[in-house]
């Protein structure tokens, strides 16, 4: 496995974060990468090699130990009280 791919659309152009976590307990590690979505359906491809580890020394994402996936909106660029939506489909590993 080299990464994650999916189709996405949003109510308008928005910036999101995809976070993957691997391992459990004290061995859990988080990796994150941003992506942008427009109003029309479009492909998003995120290679694991392009997902830096959030805390600690750099490590490659251990895909065989993946436990969870999170999608976060970038509140740093969204005004307070902002609302919107994100749709995903065809989520797959490649």
C-alpha atoms as a PDB file:
ATOM      1  CA  UNK A   1       0.000   0.000   0.000  1.00  0.00           C
ATOM      2  CA  UNK A   2       1.312   3.404  -0.990  1.00  0.00           C
ATOM      3  CA  UNK A   3      -1.474   5.795  -0.028  1.00  0.00           C
ATOM      4  CA  UNK A   4      -5.112   6.717   0.164  1.00  0.00           C
ATOM      5  CA  UNK A   5      -7.365   7.947  -2.632  1.00  0.00           C
ATOM      6  CA  UNK A   6     -10.969   9.153  -2.714  1.00  0.00           C
ATOM      7  CA  UNK A   7     -13.405  11.428  -4.490  1.00  0.00           C
ATOM      8  CA  UNK A   8     -14.504  14.547  -2.582  1.00  0.00           C
ATOM      9  CA  UNK A   9     -16.630  17.658  -2.884  1.00  0.00           C
ATOM     10  CA  UNK A  10     -17.650  20.464  -0.553  1.00  0.00           C
ATOM     11  CA  UNK A  11     -20.102  23.351  -0.518  1.00  0.00           C
ATOM     12  CA  UNK A  12     -17.222  25.620  -1.605  1.00  0.00           C
ATOM     13  CA  UNK A  13     -13.438  25.571  -1.822  1.00  0.00           C
ATOM     14  CA  UNK A  14     -12.211  24.417   1.583  1.00  0.00           C
ATOM     15  CA  UNK A  15      -9.030  23.243   3.236  1.00  0.00           C
ATOM     16  CA  UNK A  16      -9.144  20.007   5.269  1.00  0.00           C
ATOM     17  CA  UNK A  17      -6.665  17.793   7.113  1.00  0.00           C
ATOM     18  CA  UNK A  18      -6.545  14.022   6.785  1.00  0.00           C
ATOM     19  CA  UNK A  19      -5.043  12.337   9.818  1.00  0.00           C
ATOM     20  CA  UNK A  20      -4.153   8.656  10.045  1.00  0.00           C
ATOM     21  CA  UNK A  21      -3.190   6.920  13.258  1.00  0.00           C
ATOM     22  CA  UNK A  22      -1.329   3.661  13.640  1.00  0.00           C
ATOM     23  CA  UNK A  23      -0.533   1.500  16.631  1.00  0.00           C
ATOM     24  CA  UNK A  24      -2.223   1.431  20.013  1.00  0.00           C
ATOM     25  CA  UNK A  25      -1.737   2.937  23.450  1.00  0.00           C
ATOM     26  CA  UNK A  26       1.750   4.335  23.972  1.00  0.00           C
ATOM     27  CA  UNK A  27       2.756   3.029  20.544  1.00  0.00           C
ATOM     28  CA  UNK A  28       0.104   5.119  18.734  1.00  0.00           C
ATOM     29  CA  UNK A  29       1.482   7.502  16.130  1.00  0.00           C
ATOM     30  CA  UNK A  30      -0.372  10.204  14.160  1.00  0.00           C
ATOM     31  CA  UNK A  31       0.411  11.304  10.598  1.00  0.00           C
ATOM     32  CA  UNK A  32      -1.285  14.212   8.826  1.00  0.00           C
ATOM     33  CA  UNK A  33      -1.614  15.863   5.418  1.00  0.00           C
ATOM     34  CA  UNK A  34      -3.789  18.720   4.170  1.00  0.00           C
ATOM     35  CA  UNK A  35      -5.959  18.681   1.060  1.00  0.00           C
ATOM     36  CA  UNK A  36      -8.292  21.108  -0.699  1.00  0.00           C
ATOM     37  CA  UNK A  37     -11.756  20.380  -2.036  1.00  0.00           C
ATOM     38  CA  UNK A  38     -13.932  22.358  -4.466  1.00  0.00           C
ATOM     39  CA  UNK A  39     -17.682  22.351  -5.075  1.00  0.00           C
ATOM     40  CA  UNK A  40     -17.451  19.712  -7.824  1.00  0.00           C
ATOM     41  CA  UNK A  41     -16.474  16.064  -7.334  1.00  0.00           C
ATOM     42  CA  UNK A  42     -12.740  15.630  -7.782  1.00  0.00           C
ATOM     43  CA  UNK A  43     -10.057  13.088  -6.955  1.00  0.00           C
ATOM     44  CA  UNK A  44      -7.822  13.390  -3.888  1.00  0.00           C
ATOM     45  CA  UNK A  45      -4.704  11.234  -3.664  1.00  0.00           C
ATOM     46  CA  UNK A  46      -2.529  11.283  -0.565  1.00  0.00           C
ATOM     47  CA  UNK A  47       0.659   9.184  -0.618  1.00  0.00           C
ATOM     48  CA  UNK A  48       1.705   7.833   2.776  1.00  0.00           C
ATOM     49  CA  UNK A  49       5.212   9.140   2.069  1.00  0.00           C
ATOM     50  CA  UNK A  50       3.761  12.690   2.003  1.00  0.00           C
ATOM     51  CA  UNK A  51       2.229  12.362   5.485  1.00  0.00           C
ATOM     52  CA  UNK A  52       4.666  13.563   8.135  1.00  0.00           C
ATOM     53  CA  UNK A  53       4.450  12.305  11.677  1.00  0.00           C
ATOM     54  CA  UNK A  54       2.848  14.875  13.987  1.00  0.00           C
ATOM     55  CA  UNK A  55       4.939  14.332  17.127  1.00  0.00           C
ATOM     56  CA  UNK A  56       8.348  12.806  17.677  1.00  0.00           C
ATOM     57  CA  UNK A  57      11.098  11.937  15.236  1.00  0.00           C
ATOM     58  CA  UNK A  58      10.229  11.461  11.556  1.00  0.00           C
ATOM     59  CA  UNK A  59       9.026   7.965  10.661  1.00  0.00           C
ATOM     60  CA  UNK A  60       7.287   6.497   7.611  1.00  0.00           C
ATOM     61  CA  UNK A  61       3.585   5.738   8.076  1.00  0.00           C
ATOM     62  CA  UNK A  62       3.243   2.059   9.105  1.00  0.00           C
ATOM     63  CA  UNK A  63       0.249   1.264   6.863  1.00  0.00           C
ATOM     64  CA  UNK A  64      -0.099  -2.317   8.102  1.00  0.00           C
ATOM     65  CA  UNK A  65      -0.752  -0.974  11.617  1.00  0.00           C
ATOM     66  CA  UNK A  66      -3.372   1.643  10.630  1.00  0.00           C
ATOM     67  CA  UNK A  67      -6.109   2.024  13.247  1.00  0.00           C
ATOM     68  CA  UNK A  68      -8.103   5.148  12.421  1.00  0.00           C
ATOM     69  CA  UNK A  69      -8.737   7.949   9.934  1.00  0.00           C
ATOM     70  CA  UNK A  70      -9.847  11.475  10.826  1.00  0.00           C
ATOM     71  CA  UNK A  71     -10.919  14.377   8.611  1.00  0.00           C
ATOM     72  CA  UNK A  72     -10.545  17.818  10.227  1.00  0.00           C
ATOM     73  CA  UNK A  73     -11.520  21.241   8.940  1.00  0.00           C
ATOM     74  CA  UNK A  74      -8.815  23.883   9.114  1.00  0.00           C
ATOM     75  CA  UNK A  75     -10.288  26.262  11.703  1.00  0.00           C
ATOM     76  CA  UNK A  76      -7.317  28.583  11.219  1.00  0.00           C
ATOM     77  CA  UNK A  77      -8.872  29.888   8.007  1.00  0.00           C
ATOM     78  CA  UNK A  78     -12.581  29.456   8.839  1.00  0.00           C
ATOM     79  CA  UNK A  79     -14.384  32.374  10.500  1.00  0.00           C
ATOM     80  CA  UNK A  80     -16.123  31.703  13.836  1.00  0.00           C
ATOM     81  CA  UNK A  81     -19.529  30.074  13.356  1.00  0.00           C
ATOM     82  CA  UNK A  82     -18.735  28.985   9.797  1.00  0.00           C
ATOM     83  CA  UNK A  83     -20.768  26.064   8.463  1.00  0.00           C
ATOM     84  CA  UNK A  84     -20.347  23.832   5.473  1.00  0.00           C
ATOM     85  CA  UNK A  85     -20.220  20.252   4.311  1.00  0.00           C
ATOM     86  CA  UNK A  86     -17.846  17.665   2.869  1.00  0.00           C
ATOM     87  CA  UNK A  87     -18.808  14.523   0.960  1.00  0.00           C
ATOM     88  CA  UNK A  88     -16.455  11.588   0.309  1.00  0.00           C
ATOM     89  CA  UNK A  89     -16.915   8.498  -1.862  1.00  0.00           C
ATOM     90  CA  UNK A  90     -14.830   5.708  -3.368  1.00  0.00           C
ATOM     91  CA  UNK A  91     -12.325   5.678  -0.498  1.00  0.00           C
ATOM     92  CA  UNK A  92      -9.562   3.186  -1.269  1.00  0.00           C
ATOM     93  CA  UNK A  93      -5.956   2.256  -0.615  1.00  0.00           C
ATOM     94  CA  UNK A  94      -3.570   2.065  -3.552  1.00  0.00           C
END
